[in-house]
Amino acid sequence: MNIADLVSAGEVRVLTDSTELGKSAKDLVERLSSGSHVLAIIAYGSWVYGTQKPDSMKDFLVVVDNPAQFYAENEWLTKTPTVPFARSTFAQAAINLLGPNFYHIDGIDGGKVKIGVMSQRQFENANSWLGNYVGFRLTKPLLVYFVQASQLPQDKLESVIAEARLKTLQRTLGIMPMSFTLDEFAVRYVEMSYEADVRPEDPRKVNTTYETNKEQLDRMSQVFLDEQVKFERVSLREADGIAASVNYVKKAPLPAIIFERAVQKAYLGV
């Protein structure tokens, strides 16, 4: 499998997009000291999935080359935290070592956005266990704008995103039953991608996210599953009122299947 196939065409692009998200990303770069330390802008969340509500904010991750210098040039951003002792360039740069710093900003393309500022190193380590909060956000559909390609080129952006998706696809496969459909696998993959969220999510959100991005998520899942030598793909034709589907069935000796299912049921409850 070519891991690059896990990133859709056009998902990573230059900052000349005329879409509403593209305009907001460009406005955001200009607001942040004309983007002198911004390497990439990653749009994620409901505005990308197509599930936004009238009051939904646009969500962006901002990858910067040097957080300390970035905050020094955007000191106005360091004055926004509600905790007084955190309102300094030094404090924000120090806190940033632990993970992305999040801010709400008004007046971006006429609206309010939420941004998470993180270093290039944090982005490139998104697939470590410490980076799960970022890594899980890279697993679902994105719109990624590279700003300074000389420092963080398109192929590097795509590589980190693809690795995050491969990791979650592998984890998803590990908890699937012995036989499942492509739809079932893709929905479980989306469900797993919300594991890093600390707030409770509406269970319907998983299905809505899947249905509105079905083509991309099914394609990505199928690319991965068709490479799994332990599974065989079985296409079922439409018959007796049952819609056609693609099933994946595990190929393994019966004792191995019984043992694996027992372990899954005991420890995972599946």
C-alpha atoms as a PDB file:
ATOM      1  CA  MET A   1       0.000   0.000   0.000  1.00  0.00           C
ATOM      2  CA  ASN A   2       1.212   3.482  -0.842  1.00  0.00           C
ATOM      3  CA  ILE A   3       0.639   5.362   2.401  1.00  0.00           C
ATOM      4  CA  ALA A   4       0.160   8.590   0.422  1.00  0.00           C
ATOM      5  CA  ASP A   5      -3.150   7.143  -0.821  1.00  0.00           C
ATOM      6  CA  LEU A   6      -4.587   7.799   2.650  1.00  0.00           C
ATOM      7  CA  VAL A   7      -4.548  11.553   1.892  1.00  0.00           C
ATOM      8  CA  SER A   8      -7.104  12.738  -0.660  1.00  0.00           C
ATOM      9  CA  ALA A   9      -6.208  14.856  -3.653  1.00  0.00           C
ATOM     10  CA  GLY A  10      -6.628  18.541  -2.804  1.00  0.00           C
ATOM     11  CA  GLU A  11      -6.651  17.945   0.937  1.00  0.00           C
ATOM     12  CA  VAL A  12      -3.278  19.745   1.202  1.00  0.00           C
ATOM     13  CA  ARG A  13      -3.119  22.934  -0.856  1.00  0.00           C
ATOM     14  CA  VAL A  14      -1.565  26.371  -1.241  1.00  0.00           C
ATOM     15  CA  LEU A  15      -3.062  29.371   0.542  1.00  0.00           C
ATOM     16  CA  THR A  16      -4.926  30.711  -2.486  1.00  0.00           C
ATOM     17  CA  ASP A  17      -8.180  28.868  -1.875  1.00  0.00           C
ATOM     18  CA  SER A  18     -11.288  30.945  -2.648  1.00  0.00           C
ATOM     19  CA  THR A  19     -13.594  28.875  -0.408  1.00  0.00           C
ATOM     20  CA  GLU A  20     -14.930  30.348   2.831  1.00  0.00           C
ATOM     21  CA  LEU A  21     -12.463  28.303   4.871  1.00  0.00           C
ATOM     22  CA  GLY A  22      -9.637  29.343   2.562  1.00  0.00           C
ATOM     23  CA  LYS A  23     -10.482  33.022   2.956  1.00  0.00           C
ATOM     24  CA  SER A  24     -10.558  32.659   6.737  1.00  0.00           C
ATOM     25  CA  ALA A  25      -7.204  30.839   6.733  1.00  0.00           C
ATOM     26  CA  LYS A  26      -5.629  33.579   4.622  1.00  0.00           C
ATOM     27  CA  ASP A  27      -7.091  36.299   6.853  1.00  0.00           C
ATOM     28  CA  LEU A  28      -5.788  34.447   9.917  1.00  0.00           C
ATOM     29  CA  VAL A  29      -2.256  34.284   8.516  1.00  0.00           C
ATOM     30  CA  GLU A  30      -2.307  38.031   7.856  1.00  0.00           C
ATOM     31  CA  ARG A  31      -3.580  38.688  11.385  1.00  0.00           C
ATOM     32  CA  LEU A  32      -0.724  36.666  12.910  1.00  0.00           C
ATOM     33  CA  SER A  33       2.084  39.104  12.083  1.00  0.00           C
ATOM     34  CA  SER A  34       1.620  38.498   8.363  1.00  0.00           C
ATOM     35  CA  GLY A  35       2.487  34.852   8.894  1.00  0.00           C
ATOM     36  CA  SER A  36       6.210  35.421   9.471  1.00  0.00           C
ATOM     37  CA  HIS A  37       6.394  32.339  11.743  1.00  0.00           C
ATOM     38  CA  VAL A  38       3.380  30.403  10.435  1.00  0.00           C
ATOM     39  CA  LEU A  39       4.288  27.262   8.479  1.00  0.00           C
ATOM     40  CA  ALA A  40       0.852  25.747   7.910  1.00  0.00           C
ATOM     41  CA  ILE A  41      -2.819  26.230   8.729  1.00  0.00           C
ATOM     42  CA  ILE A  42      -4.897  23.079   9.261  1.00  0.00           C
ATOM     43  CA  ALA A  43      -8.679  23.421   9.119  1.00  0.00           C
ATOM     44  CA  TYR A  44     -10.573  20.637  10.893  1.00  0.00           C
ATOM     45  CA  GLY A  45     -13.931  20.057  12.554  1.00  0.00           C
ATOM     46  CA  SER A  46     -17.507  20.630  11.465  1.00  0.00           C
ATOM     47  CA  TRP A  47     -16.739  23.269   8.825  1.00  0.00           C
ATOM     48  CA  VAL A  48     -14.579  20.734   6.991  1.00  0.00           C
ATOM     49  CA  TYR A  49     -16.920  17.787   7.555  1.00  0.00           C
ATOM     50  CA  GLY A  50     -19.929  19.767   6.347  1.00  0.00           C
ATOM     51  CA  THR A  51     -21.811  19.340   9.638  1.00  0.00           C
ATOM     52  CA  GLN A  52     -21.511  22.915  10.950  1.00  0.00           C
ATOM     53  CA  LYS A  53     -24.409  24.721  12.615  1.00  0.00           C
ATOM     54  CA  PRO A  54     -25.177  28.455  12.258  1.00  0.00           C
ATOM     55  CA  ASP A  55     -23.239  29.209  15.456  1.00  0.00           C
ATOM     56  CA  SER A  56     -20.324  26.815  14.807  1.00  0.00           C
ATOM     57  CA  MET A  57     -16.861  28.348  14.936  1.00  0.00           C
ATOM     58  CA  LYS A  58     -14.223  27.463  12.373  1.00  0.00           C
ATOM     59  CA  ASP A  59     -11.400  25.394  13.868  1.00  0.00           C
ATOM     60  CA  PHE A  60      -7.758  25.759  12.835  1.00  0.00           C
ATOM     61  CA  LEU A  61      -4.445  24.331  13.995  1.00  0.00           C
ATOM     62  CA  VAL A  62      -1.588  26.793  13.404  1.00  0.00           C
ATOM     63  CA  VAL A  63       1.869  25.238  12.973  1.00  0.00           C
ATOM     64  CA  VAL A  64       4.685  27.684  13.778  1.00  0.00           C
ATOM     65  CA  ASP A  65       8.452  27.396  13.484  1.00  0.00           C
ATOM     66  CA  ASN A  66       9.350  28.971  16.841  1.00  0.00           C
ATOM     67  CA  PRO A  67       6.624  29.463  19.480  1.00  0.00           C
ATOM     68  CA  ALA A  68       8.668  31.931  21.583  1.00  0.00           C
ATOM     69  CA  GLN A  69       9.306  34.209  18.597  1.00  0.00           C
ATOM     70  CA  PHE A  70       5.741  33.733  17.382  1.00  0.00           C
ATOM     71  CA  TYR A  71       4.312  34.933  20.716  1.00  0.00           C
ATOM     72  CA  ALA A  72       6.801  37.825  20.865  1.00  0.00           C
ATOM     73  CA  GLU A  73       5.446  39.070  17.531  1.00  0.00           C
ATOM     74  CA  ASN A  74       1.834  38.378  18.509  1.00  0.00           C
ATOM     75  CA  GLU A  75       1.856  39.657  22.069  1.00  0.00           C
ATOM     76  CA  TRP A  76      -1.824  40.614  21.807  1.00  0.00           C
ATOM     77  CA  LEU A  77      -2.590  36.879  21.684  1.00  0.00           C
ATOM     78  CA  THR A  78      -0.872  36.261  25.031  1.00  0.00           C
ATOM     79  CA  LYS A  79      -3.247  38.716  26.759  1.00  0.00           C
ATOM     80  CA  THR A  80      -6.338  36.612  26.052  1.00  0.00           C
ATOM     81  CA  PRO A  81      -6.077  33.774  28.665  1.00  0.00           C
ATOM     82  CA  THR A  82      -8.467  34.114  31.606  1.00  0.00           C
ATOM     83  CA  VAL A  83      -5.767  33.146  34.129  1.00  0.00           C
ATOM     84  CA  PRO A  84      -3.663  36.275  34.890  1.00  0.00           C
ATOM     85  CA  PHE A  85      -0.282  34.552  35.379  1.00  0.00           C
ATOM     86  CA  ALA A  86      -0.574  32.998  31.896  1.00  0.00           C
ATOM     87  CA  ARG A  87      -0.793  36.409  30.197  1.00  0.00           C
ATOM     88  CA  SER A  88       2.803  36.727  29.059  1.00  0.00           C
ATOM     89  CA  THR A  89       4.967  35.695  26.126  1.00  0.00           C
ATOM     90  CA  PHE A  90       7.143  33.534  28.388  1.00  0.00           C
ATOM     91  CA  ALA A  91       4.171  31.769  30.009  1.00  0.00           C
ATOM     92  CA  GLN A  92       2.464  31.005  26.712  1.00  0.00           C
ATOM     93  CA  ALA A  93       5.669  29.690  25.136  1.00  0.00           C
ATOM     94  CA  ALA A  94       6.291  27.501  28.212  1.00  0.00           C
ATOM     95  CA  ILE A  95       2.748  26.123  28.274  1.00  0.00           C
ATOM     96  CA  ASN A  96       3.041  25.452  24.553  1.00  0.00           C
ATOM     97  CA  LEU A  97       5.700  22.843  25.304  1.00  0.00           C
ATOM     98  CA  LEU A  98       2.933  20.611  26.702  1.00  0.00           C
ATOM     99  CA  GLY A  99       0.673  20.820  23.655  1.00  0.00           C
ATOM    100  CA  PRO A 100      -1.272  23.257  21.484  1.00  0.00           C
ATOM    101  CA  ASN A 101      -2.440  26.526  23.051  1.00  0.00           C
ATOM    102  CA  PHE A 102      -6.014  27.395  22.095  1.00  0.00           C
ATOM    103  CA  TYR A 103      -7.477  30.871  21.562  1.00  0.00           C
ATOM    104  CA  HIS A 104     -10.716  32.411  20.308  1.00  0.00           C
ATOM    105  CA  ILE A 105     -10.169  35.245  17.836  1.00  0.00           C
ATOM    106  CA  ASP A 106     -12.799  37.679  16.572  1.00  0.00           C
ATOM    107  CA  GLY A 107     -12.820  39.462  13.249  1.00  0.00           C
ATOM    108  CA  ILE A 108     -11.376  36.728  11.044  1.00  0.00           C
ATOM    109  CA  ASP A 109     -13.117  36.998   7.678  1.00  0.00           C
ATOM    110  CA  GLY A 110     -16.017  38.621   9.515  1.00  0.00           C
ATOM    111  CA  GLY A 111     -16.432  35.898  12.140  1.00  0.00           C
ATOM    112  CA  LYS A 112     -14.969  34.195  15.189  1.00  0.00           C
ATOM    113  CA  VAL A 113     -12.522  31.298  14.962  1.00  0.00           C
ATOM    114  CA  LYS A 114     -10.770  28.933  17.365  1.00  0.00           C
ATOM    115  CA  ILE A 115      -7.083  28.292  16.794  1.00  0.00           C
ATOM    116  CA  GLY A 116      -4.606  25.889  18.353  1.00  0.00           C
ATOM    117  CA  VAL A 117      -0.995  27.030  18.123  1.00  0.00           C
ATOM    118  CA  MET A 118       1.680  24.330  18.053  1.00  0.00           C
ATOM    119  CA  SER A 119       5.309  24.004  17.048  1.00  0.00           C
ATOM    120  CA  GLN A 120       6.563  22.188  13.970  1.00  0.00           C
ATOM    121  CA  ARG A 121       8.101  19.583  16.271  1.00  0.00           C
ATOM    122  CA  GLN A 122       4.749  18.935  17.951  1.00  0.00           C
ATOM    123  CA  PHE A 123       3.081  18.505  14.572  1.00  0.00           C
ATOM    124  CA  GLU A 124       5.742  16.104  13.332  1.00  0.00           C
ATOM    125  CA  ASN A 125       5.417  14.115  16.587  1.00  0.00           C
ATOM    126  CA  ALA A 126       1.619  13.985  16.352  1.00  0.00           C
ATOM    127  CA  ASN A 127       1.734  10.207  16.089  1.00  0.00           C
ATOM    128  CA  SER A 128       3.497   9.633  19.385  1.00  0.00           C
ATOM    129  CA  TRP A 129       1.312   8.798  22.396  1.00  0.00           C
ATOM    130  CA  LEU A 130       1.921  12.330  23.695  1.00  0.00           C
ATOM    131  CA  GLY A 131       0.579  13.762  20.468  1.00  0.00           C
ATOM    132  CA  ASN A 132      -2.693  11.830  20.348  1.00  0.00           C
ATOM    133  CA  TYR A 133      -4.789  14.965  20.820  1.00  0.00           C
ATOM    134  CA  VAL A 134      -3.412  16.315  17.543  1.00  0.00           C
ATOM    135  CA  GLY A 135      -2.987  12.954  15.852  1.00  0.00           C
ATOM    136  CA  PHE A 136      -6.640  11.964  16.197  1.00  0.00           C
ATOM    137  CA  ARG A 137      -7.669  15.276  14.630  1.00  0.00           C
ATOM    138  CA  LEU A 138      -5.591  14.431  11.583  1.00  0.00           C
ATOM    139  CA  THR A 139      -7.466  11.166  11.027  1.00  0.00           C
ATOM    140  CA  LYS A 140     -10.691  12.761   9.807  1.00  0.00           C
ATOM    141  CA  PRO A 141     -11.052  14.936   6.661  1.00  0.00           C
ATOM    142  CA  LEU A 142      -8.979  18.133   6.660  1.00  0.00           C
ATOM    143  CA  LEU A 143      -8.154  21.174   4.595  1.00  0.00           C
ATOM    144  CA  VAL A 144      -4.450  21.916   5.022  1.00  0.00           C
ATOM    145  CA  TYR A 145      -2.824  25.087   3.747  1.00  0.00           C
ATOM    146  CA  PHE A 146       0.961  25.171   3.545  1.00  0.00           C
ATOM    147  CA  VAL A 147       2.308  28.688   4.064  1.00  0.00           C
ATOM    148  CA  GLN A 148       6.096  28.311   4.074  1.00  0.00           C
ATOM    149  CA  ALA A 149       6.787  25.254   1.938  1.00  0.00           C
ATOM    150  CA  SER A 150      10.556  25.658   2.250  1.00  0.00           C
ATOM    151  CA  GLN A 151      10.380  24.720   5.967  1.00  0.00           C
ATOM    152  CA  LEU A 152       7.333  22.445   6.021  1.00  0.00           C
ATOM    153  CA  PRO A 153       6.721  21.159   2.474  1.00  0.00           C
ATOM    154  CA  GLN A 154       3.584  19.539   1.166  1.00  0.00           C
ATOM    155  CA  ASP A 155       5.020  16.027   1.151  1.00  0.00           C
ATOM    156  CA  LYS A 156       5.971  16.299   4.839  1.00  0.00           C
ATOM    157  CA  LEU A 157       2.482  17.520   5.753  1.00  0.00           C
ATOM    158  CA  GLU A 158       0.927  14.631   3.834  1.00  0.00           C
ATOM    159  CA  SER A 159       3.319  12.108   5.399  1.00  0.00           C
ATOM    160  CA  VAL A 160       2.417  13.071   8.997  1.00  0.00           C
ATOM    161  CA  ILE A 161      -1.317  13.023   8.201  1.00  0.00           C
ATOM    162  CA  ALA A 162      -1.067   9.650   6.438  1.00  0.00           C
ATOM    163  CA  GLU A 163       0.851   8.126   9.372  1.00  0.00           C
ATOM    164  CA  ALA A 164      -1.840   9.322  11.803  1.00  0.00           C
ATOM    165  CA  ARG A 165      -4.542   7.724   9.669  1.00  0.00           C
ATOM    166  CA  LEU A 166      -2.642   4.468   9.216  1.00  0.00           C
ATOM    167  CA  LYS A 167      -2.153   4.185  12.983  1.00  0.00           C
ATOM    168  CA  THR A 168      -5.890   4.617  13.638  1.00  0.00           C
ATOM    169  CA  LEU A 169      -6.855   2.266  10.790  1.00  0.00           C
ATOM    170  CA  GLN A 170      -4.629  -0.423  12.321  1.00  0.00           C
ATOM    171  CA  ARG A 171      -6.143   0.106  15.783  1.00  0.00           C
ATOM    172  CA  THR A 172      -9.639  -0.064  14.295  1.00  0.00           C
ATOM    173  CA  LEU A 173      -8.895  -3.336  12.520  1.00  0.00           C
ATOM    174  CA  GLY A 174      -7.667  -4.838  15.789  1.00  0.00           C
ATOM    175  CA  ILE A 175     -11.086  -4.538  17.431  1.00  0.00           C
ATOM    176  CA  MET A 176     -13.299  -5.496  14.491  1.00  0.00           C
ATOM    177  CA  PRO A 177     -15.171  -8.837  14.512  1.00  0.00           C
ATOM    178  CA  MET A 178     -14.206 -11.689  12.214  1.00  0.00           C
ATOM    179  CA  SER A 179     -16.505 -10.435   9.473  1.00  0.00           C
ATOM    180  CA  PHE A 180     -17.639  -6.886   8.803  1.00  0.00           C
ATOM    181  CA  THR A 181     -18.739  -4.546   6.053  1.00  0.00           C
ATOM    182  CA  LEU A 182     -16.834  -1.581   4.720  1.00  0.00           C
ATOM    183  CA  ASP A 183     -19.421   0.777   6.244  1.00  0.00           C
ATOM    184  CA  GLU A 184     -19.066  -0.826   9.677  1.00  0.00           C
ATOM    185  CA  PHE A 185     -15.300  -0.477   9.581  1.00  0.00           C
ATOM    186  CA  ALA A 186     -15.383   3.172   8.461  1.00  0.00           C
ATOM    187  CA  VAL A 187     -17.921   4.138  11.158  1.00  0.00           C
ATOM    188  CA  ARG A 188     -15.802   2.436  13.829  1.00  0.00           C
ATOM    189  CA  TYR A 189     -12.757   4.322  12.523  1.00  0.00           C
ATOM    190  CA  VAL A 190     -14.550   7.660  12.901  1.00  0.00           C
ATOM    191  CA  GLU A 191     -15.720   6.660  16.379  1.00  0.00           C
ATOM    192  CA  MET A 192     -12.145   5.869  17.412  1.00  0.00           C
ATOM    193  CA  SER A 193     -10.925   9.226  16.112  1.00  0.00           C
ATOM    194  CA  TYR A 194     -12.933  10.973  18.847  1.00  0.00           C
ATOM    195  CA  GLU A 195     -11.132   9.116  21.650  1.00  0.00           C
ATOM    196  CA  ALA A 196      -8.787  12.031  22.404  1.00  0.00           C
ATOM    197  CA  ASP A 197     -11.665  14.455  23.051  1.00  0.00           C
ATOM    198  CA  VAL A 198     -12.116  15.282  26.712  1.00  0.00           C
ATOM    199  CA  ARG A 199     -15.671  16.549  26.289  1.00  0.00           C
ATOM    200  CA  PRO A 200     -18.593  14.115  25.837  1.00  0.00           C
ATOM    201  CA  GLU A 201     -19.773  13.884  22.227  1.00  0.00           C
ATOM    202  CA  ASP A 202     -23.268  13.221  20.932  1.00  0.00           C
ATOM    203  CA  PRO A 203     -23.188   9.599  19.640  1.00  0.00           C
ATOM    204  CA  ARG A 204     -25.071  10.768  16.552  1.00  0.00           C
ATOM    205  CA  LYS A 205     -22.074  12.929  15.652  1.00  0.00           C
ATOM    206  CA  VAL A 206     -20.085   9.870  14.562  1.00  0.00           C
ATOM    207  CA  ASN A 207     -22.730   8.742  12.065  1.00  0.00           C
ATOM    208  CA  THR A 208     -23.300  12.276  10.790  1.00  0.00           C
ATOM    209  CA  THR A 209     -19.579  12.802  10.239  1.00  0.00           C
ATOM    210  CA  TYR A 210     -19.363   9.496   8.401  1.00  0.00           C
ATOM    211  CA  GLU A 211     -22.403  10.058   6.190  1.00  0.00           C
ATOM    212  CA  THR A 212     -21.295  13.535   5.098  1.00  0.00           C
ATOM    213  CA  ASN A 213     -17.785  12.272   4.266  1.00  0.00           C
ATOM    214  CA  LYS A 214     -18.693   8.742   3.210  1.00  0.00           C
ATOM    215  CA  GLU A 215     -16.895   8.760  -0.138  1.00  0.00           C
ATOM    216  CA  GLN A 216     -13.539   9.817   1.307  1.00  0.00           C
ATOM    217  CA  LEU A 217     -13.733   7.606   4.410  1.00  0.00           C
ATOM    218  CA  ASP A 218     -14.856   4.544   2.431  1.00  0.00           C
ATOM    219  CA  ARG A 219     -12.070   5.028  -0.125  1.00  0.00           C
ATOM    220  CA  MET A 220      -9.433   5.376   2.573  1.00  0.00           C
ATOM    221  CA  SER A 221     -10.759   2.336   4.473  1.00  0.00           C
ATOM    222  CA  GLN A 222     -10.876   0.221   1.330  1.00  0.00           C
ATOM    223  CA  VAL A 223      -7.307   1.167   0.323  1.00  0.00           C
ATOM    224  CA  PHE A 224      -6.156  -0.027   3.750  1.00  0.00           C
ATOM    225  CA  LEU A 225      -8.306  -3.148   4.023  1.00  0.00           C
ATOM    226  CA  ASP A 226      -7.474  -4.462   0.564  1.00  0.00           C
ATOM    227  CA  GLU A 227      -3.831  -4.718   1.679  1.00  0.00           C
ATOM    228  CA  GLN A 228      -4.576  -6.867   4.726  1.00  0.00           C
ATOM    229  CA  VAL A 229      -3.429 -10.395   3.873  1.00  0.00           C
ATOM    230  CA  LYS A 230      -5.344 -11.878   6.823  1.00  0.00           C
ATOM    231  CA  PHE A 231      -8.641 -10.732   5.340  1.00  0.00           C
ATOM    232  CA  GLU A 232     -10.357 -11.484   2.073  1.00  0.00           C
ATOM    233  CA  ARG A 233     -12.771  -9.157   0.373  1.00  0.00           C
ATOM    234  CA  VAL A 234     -16.153 -10.649  -0.491  1.00  0.00           C
ATOM    235  CA  SER A 235     -18.564  -8.622  -2.611  1.00  0.00           C
ATOM    236  CA  LEU A 236     -22.207  -9.469  -2.015  1.00  0.00           C
ATOM    237  CA  ARG A 237     -24.642  -8.799  -4.812  1.00  0.00           C
ATOM    238  CA  GLU A 238     -28.015  -7.164  -4.267  1.00  0.00           C
ATOM    239  CA  ALA A 239     -30.653  -9.815  -3.717  1.00  0.00           C
ATOM    240  CA  ASP A 240     -33.946 -10.359  -1.903  1.00  0.00           C
ATOM    241  CA  GLY A 241     -34.247  -6.700  -0.981  1.00  0.00           C
ATOM    242  CA  ILE A 242     -30.787  -6.562   0.629  1.00  0.00           C
ATOM    243  CA  ALA A 243     -28.461  -3.915  -0.750  1.00  0.00           C
ATOM    244  CA  ALA A 244     -25.126  -4.917  -2.242  1.00  0.00           C
ATOM    245  CA  SER A 245     -22.198  -4.589   0.130  1.00  0.00           C
ATOM    246  CA  VAL A 246     -18.518  -5.344   0.532  1.00  0.00           C
ATOM    247  CA  ASN A 247     -17.651  -7.743   3.341  1.00  0.00           C
ATOM    248  CA  TYR A 248     -14.225  -8.469   4.781  1.00  0.00           C
ATOM    249  CA  VAL A 249     -13.786 -11.921   6.277  1.00  0.00           C
ATOM    250  CA  LYS A 250     -10.790 -12.945   8.366  1.00  0.00           C
ATOM    251  CA  LYS A 251      -8.750 -15.874   7.092  1.00  0.00           C
ATOM    252  CA  ALA A 252      -7.363 -17.848  10.031  1.00  0.00           C
ATOM    253  CA  PRO A 253      -7.473 -21.395  11.470  1.00  0.00           C
ATOM    254  CA  LEU A 254     -10.545 -22.006  13.647  1.00  0.00           C
ATOM    255  CA  PRO A 255      -8.604 -22.307  16.970  1.00  0.00           C
ATOM    256  CA  ALA A 256      -6.915 -18.952  16.317  1.00  0.00           C
ATOM    257  CA  ILE A 257     -10.267 -17.329  15.588  1.00  0.00           C
ATOM    258  CA  ILE A 258     -11.833 -18.710  18.789  1.00  0.00           C
ATOM    259  CA  PHE A 259      -8.885 -17.529  20.900  1.00  0.00           C
ATOM    260  CA  GLU A 260      -8.847 -14.036  19.352  1.00  0.00           C
ATOM    261  CA  ARG A 261     -12.580 -13.537  19.826  1.00  0.00           C
ATOM    262  CA  ALA A 262     -12.297 -14.641  23.459  1.00  0.00           C
ATOM    263  CA  VAL A 263      -9.563 -12.068  24.098  1.00  0.00           C
ATOM    264  CA  GLN A 264     -11.558  -9.315  22.367  1.00  0.00           C
ATOM    265  CA  LYS A 265     -14.674 -10.114  24.379  1.00  0.00           C
ATOM    266  CA  ALA A 266     -12.789 -10.304  27.693  1.00  0.00           C
ATOM    267  CA  TYR A 267     -10.750  -7.143  27.350  1.00  0.00           C
ATOM    268  CA  LEU A 268     -12.573  -4.998  24.817  1.00  0.00           C
ATOM    269  CA  GLY A 269     -16.172  -6.051  25.245  1.00  0.00           C
ATOM    270  CA  VAL A 270     -16.677  -6.508  21.497  1.00  0.00           C
END
